[in-house]
Protein backbone atom coordinates (compact mmCIF):
# COMPACT_ATOMS: atom_id res chain seq x y z
CA UNK A 1 12.45 19.42 13.81
CA UNK A 2 9.96 16.61 14.47
CA UNK A 3 10.32 13.47 12.39
CA UNK A 4 8.03 10.45 12.57
CA UNK A 5 10.24 7.47 11.82
CA UNK A 6 8.56 4.22 10.79
CA UNK A 7 10.42 0.93 10.26
CA UNK A 8 8.90 -1.90 8.25
CA UNK A 9 9.10 -5.63 8.97
CA UNK A 10 12.32 -6.21 7.03
CA UNK A 11 13.99 -3.47 9.08
CA UNK A 12 13.35 -5.32 12.36
CA UNK A 13 13.65 -8.94 11.20
CA UNK A 14 16.65 -9.85 13.37
CA UNK A 15 19.33 -8.45 15.68
CA UNK A 16 21.44 -7.14 12.79
CA UNK A 17 18.50 -5.09 11.52
CA UNK A 18 17.76 -3.80 15.05
CA UNK A 19 21.34 -2.50 15.16
CA UNK A 20 20.86 -0.67 11.86
CA UNK A 21 17.69 0.94 13.22
CA UNK A 22 19.52 2.13 16.34
CA UNK A 23 22.27 3.71 14.25
CA UNK A 24 19.66 5.53 12.14
CA UNK A 25 17.83 6.84 15.23
CA UNK A 26 21.04 7.97 16.92
CA UNK A 27 22.19 9.79 13.78
CA UNK A 28 19.40 12.41 14.02
CA UNK A 29 17.99 13.99 17.19
CA UNK A 30 14.75 14.75 15.34
CA UNK A 31 13.92 11.04 15.21
CA UNK A 32 12.12 10.91 18.55
CA UNK A 33 8.86 9.14 17.66
CA UNK A 34 9.37 5.66 16.24
CA UNK A 35 6.71 3.38 14.71
CA UNK A 36 7.62 -0.30 14.42
CA UNK A 37 6.12 -3.11 12.36
CA UNK A 38 6.12 -6.78 13.32
CA UNK A 39 9.38 -8.64 12.64
CA UNK A 40 9.45 -9.67 8.98
CA UNK A 41 11.46 -12.25 7.09
CA UNK A 42 15.10 -12.49 8.12
CA UNK A 43 15.85 -14.46 4.92
CA UNK A 44 14.02 -16.05 1.99
CA UNK A 45 13.38 -19.24 3.96
CA UNK A 46 11.93 -17.35 6.92
CA UNK A 47 8.34 -16.38 7.75
CA UNK A 48 6.82 -13.07 8.76
CA UNK A 49 5.67 -13.10 12.38
CA UNK A 50 2.27 -11.74 11.33
CA UNK A 51 1.80 -14.63 8.89
CA UNK A 52 2.65 -17.11 11.64
CA UNK A 53 0.13 -15.50 13.98
CA UNK A 54 -2.57 -15.73 11.31
CA UNK A 55 -1.58 -19.38 10.91
CA UNK A 56 -2.03 -19.93 14.64
CA UNK A 57 -5.55 -18.58 14.37
CA UNK A 58 -6.27 -20.85 11.39
CA UNK A 59 -5.09 -23.85 13.43
CA UNK A 60 -7.52 -22.91 16.21
CA UNK A 61 -10.36 -22.53 13.70
CA UNK A 62 -9.74 -26.05 12.37
CA UNK A 63 -9.08 -27.57 15.81
CA UNK A 64 -5.41 -28.23 15.07
CA UNK A 65 -2.67 -27.80 17.68
CA UNK A 66 -1.01 -24.40 17.27
CA UNK A 67 1.82 -24.73 19.79
CA UNK A 68 4.45 -25.81 17.24
CA UNK A 69 3.78 -22.67 15.21
CA UNK A 70 3.94 -20.49 18.30
CA UNK A 71 7.27 -22.06 19.27
CA UNK A 72 8.71 -20.72 16.00
CA UNK A 73 7.42 -17.25 16.93
CA UNK A 74 8.91 -17.45 20.42
CA UNK A 75 12.27 -18.60 19.10
CA UNK A 76 12.46 -15.66 16.66
CA UNK A 77 11.88 -13.13 19.42
CA UNK A 78 14.10 -14.86 21.97
CA UNK A 79 16.94 -15.10 19.46
CA UNK A 80 16.77 -11.33 18.93
CA UNK A 81 16.72 -10.76 22.70
CA UNK A 82 19.72 -13.02 23.20
CA UNK A 83 21.76 -11.53 20.35
CA UNK A 84 21.12 -7.96 21.55
CA UNK A 85 21.47 -8.83 25.25
CA UNK A 86 18.18 -7.12 26.08
CA UNK A 87 17.07 -6.89 29.70
CA UNK A 88 13.34 -7.29 29.07
CA UNK A 89 11.30 -10.22 30.50
CA UNK A 90 9.75 -11.07 27.18
CA UNK A 91 9.48 -14.81 27.89
CA UNK A 92 6.67 -14.31 30.39
CA UNK A 93 4.64 -12.22 27.97
CA UNK A 94 5.14 -14.70 25.15
CA UNK A 95 4.05 -17.57 27.40
CA UNK A 96 0.99 -15.61 28.48
CA UNK A 97 0.05 -14.86 24.86
CA UNK A 98 0.52 -18.54 23.94
CA UNK A 99 -1.90 -19.62 26.66
CA UNK A 100 -4.50 -17.05 25.61
CA UNK A 101 -4.35 -17.75 21.85
CA UNK A 102 -7.63 -19.76 21.79
CA UNK A 103 -9.48 -16.97 23.59
CA UNK A 104 -8.08 -14.02 21.61
CA UNK A 105 -9.87 -12.34 18.74
CA UNK A 106 -7.99 -12.65 15.46
CA UNK A 107 -7.25 -8.89 15.58
CA UNK A 108 -5.72 -9.03 19.04
CA UNK A 109 -3.70 -12.13 18.20
CA UNK A 110 -2.09 -10.81 15.01
CA UNK A 111 -1.39 -7.45 16.67
CA UNK A 112 0.96 -9.17 19.12
CA UNK A 113 3.70 -9.25 16.49
CA UNK A 114 3.91 -5.45 16.44
CA UNK A 115 3.41 -5.30 20.21
CA UNK A 116 6.35 -7.57 21.10
CA UNK A 117 8.67 -6.22 18.37
CA UNK A 118 8.04 -2.65 19.54
CA UNK A 119 8.62 -3.46 23.20
CA UNK A 120 11.95 -5.01 22.31
CA UNK A 121 12.91 -2.06 20.12
CA UNK A 122 11.99 0.41 22.89
CA UNK A 123 14.17 -1.50 25.32
CA UNK A 124 17.05 -1.58 22.85
CA UNK A 125 16.84 2.14 22.07
CA UNK A 126 16.26 3.15 25.70
CA UNK A 127 12.97 4.84 24.68
CA UNK A 128 9.64 4.63 26.52
CA UNK A 129 7.17 2.13 25.05
CA UNK A 130 3.68 3.42 24.25
CA UNK A 131 1.02 0.86 23.35
CA UNK A 132 -0.99 1.73 20.24
CA UNK A 133 -4.16 0.64 22.03
CA UNK A 134 -3.77 3.66 24.32
CA UNK A 135 -3.32 6.09 21.43
CA UNK A 136 -4.87 5.07 18.12
CA UNK A 137 -8.68 5.20 18.19
CA UNK A 138 -10.45 3.45 15.35
CA UNK A 139 -14.11 3.67 14.43
CA UNK A 140 -16.01 0.42 13.99
CA UNK A 141 -15.71 0.70 10.20
CA UNK A 142 -11.91 0.87 10.50
CA UNK A 143 -11.60 4.60 9.82
CA UNK A 144 -9.49 6.77 12.14
CA UNK A 145 -11.08 8.80 14.93
CA UNK A 146 -8.62 11.68 14.57
CA UNK A 147 -9.96 13.99 17.32
CA UNK A 148 -9.70 11.28 19.99
CA UNK A 149 -6.36 10.01 18.68
CA UNK A 150 -4.89 13.51 18.68
CA UNK A 151 -6.09 14.16 22.26
CA UNK A 152 -4.52 10.91 23.46
CA UNK A 153 -1.27 11.61 21.65
CA UNK A 154 -0.98 15.12 23.09
CA UNK A 155 -1.54 13.69 26.56
CA UNK A 156 1.28 11.18 26.08
CA UNK A 157 3.68 13.71 24.55
CA UNK A 158 3.30 15.86 27.68
CA UNK A 159 5.11 13.14 29.65
CA UNK A 160 7.24 11.52 26.91
CA UNK A 161 9.42 13.56 24.56
CA UNK A 162 10.24 10.35 22.66
CA UNK A 163 8.76 6.87 22.39
CA UNK A 164 8.36 3.69 20.37
CA UNK A 165 4.84 2.69 19.34
CA UNK A 166 3.58 -0.39 17.46
CA UNK A 167 1.99 0.12 14.07
CA UNK A 168 -0.95 -1.74 12.48
CA UNK A 169 -3.51 -1.59 15.28
CA UNK A 170 -5.55 0.55 17.63
CA UNK A 171 -8.75 0.16 19.66
CA UNK A 172 -12.41 0.88 19.11
CA UNK A 173 -14.51 2.86 21.59
CA UNK A 174 -15.29 -0.27 23.63
CA UNK A 175 -11.57 -1.03 24.08
CA UNK A 176 -11.40 -3.91 21.58
CA UNK A 177 -8.18 -4.18 19.60
CA UNK A 178 -8.71 -3.69 15.87
CA UNK A 179 -6.06 -4.07 13.18
CA UNK A 180 -5.73 -2.12 9.97
CA UNK A 181 -5.25 -3.72 6.56
CA UNK A 182 -1.89 -5.40 5.91
CA UNK A 183 0.88 -2.84 5.76
CA UNK A 184 -1.11 -0.70 8.19
CA UNK A 185 1.98 0.37 10.11
CA UNK A 186 2.50 2.88 7.28
CA UNK A 187 -0.88 4.34 8.22
CA UNK A 188 0.06 4.54 11.91
CA UNK A 189 3.11 6.58 10.97
CA UNK A 190 1.03 9.00 8.92
CA UNK A 191 -1.51 9.36 11.76
CA UNK A 192 1.26 10.34 14.17
CA UNK A 193 2.76 12.73 11.63
CA UNK A 194 -0.57 14.53 11.22
CA UNK A 195 -1.53 14.63 14.90
CA UNK A 196 1.92 15.74 16.10
CA UNK A 197 2.26 18.23 13.21
CA UNK A 198 5.56 16.65 12.19
CA UNK A 199 7.94 18.29 9.73
CA UNK A 200 8.69 15.00 7.97
CA UNK A 201 7.45 11.41 7.91
CA UNK A 202 10.31 8.97 7.26
CA UNK A 203 9.27 5.52 6.09
CA UNK A 204 12.19 3.11 6.30
CA UNK A 205 11.94 -0.10 4.29
CA UNK A 206 14.22 -2.39 2.25
CA UNK A 207 14.29 -0.33 -0.96
CA UNK A 208 15.73 3.11 -1.67
CA UNK A 209 12.46 4.72 -2.65
CA UNK A 210 10.42 4.28 -5.81
CA UNK A 211 11.77 3.27 -9.20
CA UNK A 212 10.39 4.49 -12.51
CA UNK A 213 9.43 0.94 -13.49
CA UNK A 214 9.43 -2.61 -12.15
CA UNK A 215 13.07 -3.82 -12.10
CA UNK A 216 11.83 -7.34 -12.91
CA UNK A 217 10.70 -5.98 -16.28
CA UNK A 218 13.00 -3.03 -16.99
CA UNK A 219 16.73 -3.42 -16.39
CA UNK A 220 18.09 -0.90 -13.87
CA UNK A 221 15.19 1.57 -13.95
CA UNK A 222 15.98 5.07 -12.74
CA UNK A 223 14.96 6.07 -9.19
CA UNK A 224 12.22 8.63 -8.64
CA UNK A 225 13.71 11.47 -6.59
CA UNK A 226 10.48 13.41 -6.03
CA UNK A 227 6.86 12.49 -6.60
CA UNK A 228 3.53 14.15 -5.78
CA UNK A 229 0.85 12.53 -3.65
CA UNK A 230 -1.43 12.38 -6.70
CA UNK A 231 1.20 10.57 -8.78
CA UNK A 232 1.89 8.18 -5.93
CA UNK A 233 -1.81 7.28 -5.69
CA UNK A 234 -1.92 6.49 -9.40
CA UNK A 235 1.20 4.31 -9.32
CA UNK A 236 0.26 2.58 -6.05
CA UNK A 237 -3.16 1.66 -7.42
CA UNK A 238 -1.44 0.02 -10.38
CA UNK A 239 0.84 -2.07 -8.21
CA UNK A 240 3.87 0.06 -7.30
CA UNK A 241 3.50 -0.89 -3.65
CA UNK A 242 6.34 0.50 -1.56
CA UNK A 243 3.97 2.46 0.69
CA UNK A 244 0.44 1.59 1.82
CA UNK A 245 -1.75 3.82 -0.35
CA UNK A 246 -4.00 4.82 2.60
CA UNK A 247 -0.94 6.27 4.37
CA UNK A 248 -1.05 9.19 1.95
CA UNK A 249 -4.29 10.82 3.10
CA UNK A 250 -3.45 12.01 6.65
CA UNK A 251 -0.12 13.56 5.65
CA UNK A 252 -1.46 15.02 2.41
CA UNK A 253 -4.16 16.88 4.33
CA UNK A 254 -1.47 18.31 6.61
CA UNK A 255 0.99 18.89 3.73
CA UNK A 256 3.71 16.83 5.44
CA UNK A 257 6.39 15.33 3.14
CA UNK A 258 7.09 11.59 3.19
CA UNK A 259 10.61 10.29 2.63
CA UNK A 260 10.91 6.63 1.55
CA UNK A 261 14.31 5.40 2.76
CA UNK A 262 16.33 2.18 2.89
CA UNK A 263 17.37 0.76 6.28
CA UNK A 264 20.11 -1.22 4.52
CA UNK A 265 21.44 1.85 2.68
CA UNK A 266 20.75 4.74 5.07
CA UNK A 267 22.78 7.31 3.13
CA UNK A 268 20.71 6.91 -0.05
CA UNK A 269 18.37 9.88 -0.50
CA UNK A 270 15.35 7.75 -1.39
CA UNK A 271 12.13 9.28 -2.70
CA UNK A 272 10.43 12.41 -1.36
CA UNK A 273 6.63 12.58 -1.65
CA UNK A 274 5.15 16.10 -1.68
CA UNK A 275 1.83 17.74 -2.38
CA UNK A 276 3.27 19.98 -5.08
CA UNK A 277 6.60 20.09 -6.88
CA UNK A 278 7.63 23.19 -8.85
CA UNK A 279 7.98 22.40 -12.59
CA UNK A 280 11.54 23.67 -12.68
CA UNK A 281 12.64 21.02 -10.16
CA UNK A 282 11.89 18.16 -12.51
CA UNK A 283 12.05 18.40 -16.24
CA UNK A 284 11.07 14.77 -16.91
CA UNK A 285 7.94 14.28 -18.98
CA UNK A 286 6.89 11.18 -16.99
CA UNK A 287 7.39 10.16 -13.38
CA UNK A 288 6.83 6.42 -13.51
CA UNK A 289 5.19 3.42 -15.19
CA UNK A 290 3.24 0.67 -13.42
CA UNK A 291 0.77 -2.00 -14.43
CA UNK A 292 -1.60 -4.71 -13.34
CA UNK A 293 -2.75 -7.92 -14.97
CA UNK A 294 -6.05 -9.77 -14.72
CA UNK A 295 -8.70 -7.42 -16.13
CA UNK A 296 -11.64 -7.99 -18.44
CA UNK A 297 -13.92 -5.71 -20.46
CA UNK A 298 -17.67 -6.06 -20.99
CA UNK A 299 -18.62 -3.78 -23.88
CA UNK A 300 -22.21 -2.87 -24.74
CA UNK A 301 -23.22 -1.45 -28.11
CA UNK A 302 -26.42 0.54 -28.64
CA UNK A 303 -27.46 2.81 -31.50
CA UNK A 304 -28.08 6.41 -30.41
CA UNK A 305 -26.76 5.62 -26.92
CA UNK A 306 -26.38 9.32 -25.93
CA UNK A 307 -30.14 9.70 -26.33
CA UNK A 308 -30.94 6.65 -24.17
CA UNK A 309 -31.50 8.37 -20.82
CA UNK A 310 -30.40 6.20 -17.89
CA UNK A 311 -28.45 3.70 -19.99
CA UNK A 312 -25.24 4.00 -17.96
CA UNK A 313 -27.20 3.72 -14.69
CA UNK A 314 -28.94 0.53 -15.82
CA UNK A 315 -25.61 -1.04 -16.77
CA UNK A 316 -23.88 -0.12 -13.53
CA UNK A 317 -26.86 -1.30 -11.48
CA UNK A 318 -26.29 -4.81 -12.81
CA UNK A 319 -22.70 -4.85 -11.57
CA UNK A 320 -23.81 -3.43 -8.24
CA UNK A 321 -26.36 -6.25 -7.93
CA UNK A 322 -23.58 -8.80 -8.36
CA UNK A 323 -21.30 -6.94 -5.92
CA UNK A 324 -18.68 -6.18 -8.56
CA UNK A 325 -16.65 -2.99 -8.68
CA UNK A 326 -16.28 -1.35 -12.09
CA UNK A 327 -12.70 -0.07 -12.24
CA UNK A 328 -12.96 2.05 -15.40
CA UNK A 329 -15.73 3.15 -17.75
CA UNK A 330 -14.43 4.17 -21.21
CA UNK A 331 -17.13 4.97 -23.75
CA UNK A 332 -17.67 5.84 -27.39
CA UNK A 333 -20.62 7.36 -29.25
CA UNK A 334 -22.57 4.11 -29.36
CA UNK A 335 -20.64 1.93 -26.92
CA UNK A 336 -19.61 1.68 -23.30
CA UNK A 337 -17.08 -0.67 -21.69
CA UNK A 338 -17.01 -1.79 -18.08
CA UNK A 339 -13.44 -2.69 -17.03
CA UNK A 340 -13.49 -5.15 -14.12
CA UNK A 341 -11.17 -7.60 -12.40
CA UNK A 342 -11.47 -10.84 -14.34
CA UNK A 343 -11.53 -12.94 -11.16
CA UNK A 344 -14.62 -11.05 -9.95
CA UNK A 345 -16.73 -12.05 -12.97
CA UNK A 346 -15.19 -15.41 -13.80
CA UNK A 347 -17.97 -17.47 -12.24
CA UNK A 348 -20.91 -15.23 -13.10
CA UNK A 349 -20.14 -13.62 -16.47
CA UNK A 350 -23.02 -15.37 -18.29
CA UNK A 351 -25.47 -14.28 -15.60
CA UNK A 352 -24.17 -10.70 -15.84
CA UNK A 353 -24.53 -10.65 -19.64
CA UNK A 354 -28.05 -12.04 -19.41
CA UNK A 355 -29.00 -9.37 -16.85
CA UNK A 356 -27.43 -6.62 -18.98
CA UNK A 357 -29.44 -7.76 -22.00
CA UNK A 358 -32.64 -7.67 -19.97
CA UNK A 359 -32.09 -4.37 -18.13
CA UNK A 360 -30.19 -2.25 -20.68
CA UNK A 361 -31.44 -3.80 -23.95
CA UNK A 362 -28.19 -3.26 -25.91
CA UNK A 363 -27.82 -4.16 -29.60
CA UNK A 364 -24.79 -6.31 -28.82
CA UNK A 365 -22.43 -7.29 -25.98
CA UNK A 366 -18.82 -8.42 -26.19
CA UNK A 367 -16.67 -9.89 -23.43
CA UNK A 368 -12.88 -9.64 -23.70
CA UNK A 369 -10.67 -11.24 -21.05
CA UNK A 370 -6.93 -11.40 -20.43
CA UNK A 371 -6.40 -7.63 -20.41
CA UNK A 372 -3.53 -5.91 -18.60
CA UNK A 373 -3.62 -2.21 -17.71
CA UNK A 374 -0.52 -0.01 -17.81
CA UNK A 375 -0.39 3.46 -16.28
CA UNK A 376 2.07 6.06 -17.53
CA UNK A 377 2.05 8.75 -14.84
CA UNK A 378 3.58 12.22 -14.85
CA UNK A 379 2.70 15.67 -13.55
CA UNK A 380 4.47 17.28 -16.51
CA UNK A 381 2.64 15.38 -19.26
CA UNK A 382 -0.06 18.03 -19.62
CA UNK A 383 2.56 20.74 -20.23
CA UNK A 384 4.32 18.87 -23.01
CA UNK A 385 2.48 18.43 -26.29
CA UNK A 386 2.52 15.05 -27.97
CA UNK A 387 2.85 12.76 -24.96
CA UNK A 388 -0.03 10.51 -26.01
CA UNK A 389 1.22 10.40 -29.60
CA UNK A 390 4.69 9.46 -28.45
CA UNK A 391 3.32 6.68 -26.24
CA UNK A 392 1.13 5.13 -28.94
CA UNK A 393 3.91 5.39 -31.50
CA UNK A 394 6.19 3.45 -29.14
CA UNK A 395 3.60 0.70 -28.73
CA UNK A 396 2.87 0.59 -32.47
CA UNK A 397 6.55 0.26 -33.38
CA UNK A 398 6.71 -2.77 -31.07
CA UNK A 399 3.61 -4.37 -32.65
CA UNK A 400 1.55 -3.96 -29.47
CA UNK A 401 -2.18 -3.51 -30.00
CA UNK A 402 -3.97 -1.14 -27.60
CA UNK A 403 -7.36 -2.55 -26.63
CA UNK A 404 -8.46 0.41 -24.52
CA UNK A 405 -7.19 3.89 -23.66
CA UNK A 406 -8.28 6.10 -20.75
CA UNK A 407 -7.07 9.59 -19.82
CA UNK A 408 -8.67 11.88 -17.25
CA UNK A 409 -8.92 15.66 -17.66
CA UNK A 410 -6.09 16.27 -15.19
CA UNK A 411 -3.77 14.53 -17.69
CA UNK A 412 -1.64 13.04 -14.93
CA UNK A 413 -2.13 9.46 -16.11
CA UNK A 414 -2.49 7.76 -19.50
CA UNK A 415 -3.96 4.28 -19.00
CA UNK A 416 -3.78 1.70 -21.76
CA UNK A 417 -5.09 -1.85 -21.90
CA UNK A 418 -3.10 -4.49 -23.77
CA UNK A 419 -3.12 -8.27 -24.06
CA UNK A 420 -1.38 -9.84 -21.08
CA UNK A 421 1.14 -11.49 -23.40
CA UNK A 422 2.27 -7.98 -24.43
CA UNK A 423 2.45 -6.61 -20.86
CA UNK A 424 6.21 -6.72 -20.27
CA UNK A 425 7.10 -5.58 -23.79
CA UNK A 426 4.68 -2.66 -23.53
CA UNK A 427 6.22 -1.41 -20.29
CA UNK A 428 9.72 -1.69 -21.75
CA UNK A 429 8.65 0.14 -24.92
CA UNK A 430 7.14 3.03 -22.95
CA UNK A 431 10.15 3.26 -20.62
CA UNK A 432 12.69 3.21 -23.43
CA UNK A 433 10.79 5.91 -25.32
CA UNK A 434 10.41 8.36 -22.44
CA UNK A 435 13.44 7.62 -20.28
CA UNK A 436 16.31 6.04 -22.17
């Protein structure tokens, strides 16, 4: 069995966490290909190495001395080396990086956190180290060049039956190092899983999988044992961020399960993410609840709107002109609402309204701010009559007014918009109705 095993920043934050990783790797012979993030926070007062490297770059940009920041980075790595008694000459590499900081691109500089952490982990595990720059090929737009990446991986696997590789970065065709978006080590793991045709992608972090709701809002929410890729996408978009949402695509295409696991509680089963889950395996009506604050709605009213050919296009063209993404587009017989991030329109809302009046010629326009969106997600909702009614009854009983409601034909997600002041109460009301 081939398992791709990825460890996040909290899992490699100090020597104690390195030891936990080694125990996990040694417990299963299938864990032969290990992806490592940059060392994260060892405690609440600590800093992520990646953040410190970005700070070094900012110091260079503003002509401020960066050496004090880099000394903190060096100390973190050297403390881990000392505590684990590693026999790797990491000091020389750190000194060389420090000297080259002013001449490095920002991508190369911030990638050094993963690079050094992975070299140390490889030394500690007794595994070969493989640099991501020699494996992961990225296109100039940041997308993955899978054919080239797969060829390079196959070449390396011919000589190494196990290895440690840094996450988060790769190289473009000209050899320049390019990083992925933050949390990109999750993506590296999924790339390896797809290219090596793995049986399972294990993503080790500091939580035991997904919970059905935010524990800061709902007390002791139940864990999600199994979830589909589609449900995960819906919840991740709405803020349930345990896994980088772009990590889903490569493994979904190859139908490879993902297991979200906890480095600090390795015997917990975590959450399994699959393409399809038989209905009999989970009887629950909903899978999870997640939400986001900070939305606004611009609603246009026009008599006989269905007969006004091109009306939607004219409206959307205005938002495109201002470079604003329309997140949702609920409509009625004579109205249409554009749901957008409030921060995106804050400084130009009057210009947008003026442009909409000119281009679309509506009878009226209303702008409503301070909206929060809540997603109730579940693959079984479509098979159980009355889910929407039950949800709205729960909100009504708790005196929560629904400003907008959106549900796609696949019936996997019911999205409601409420006032931000009702956000927490709405999530608790939905959870208590469907779960407790």
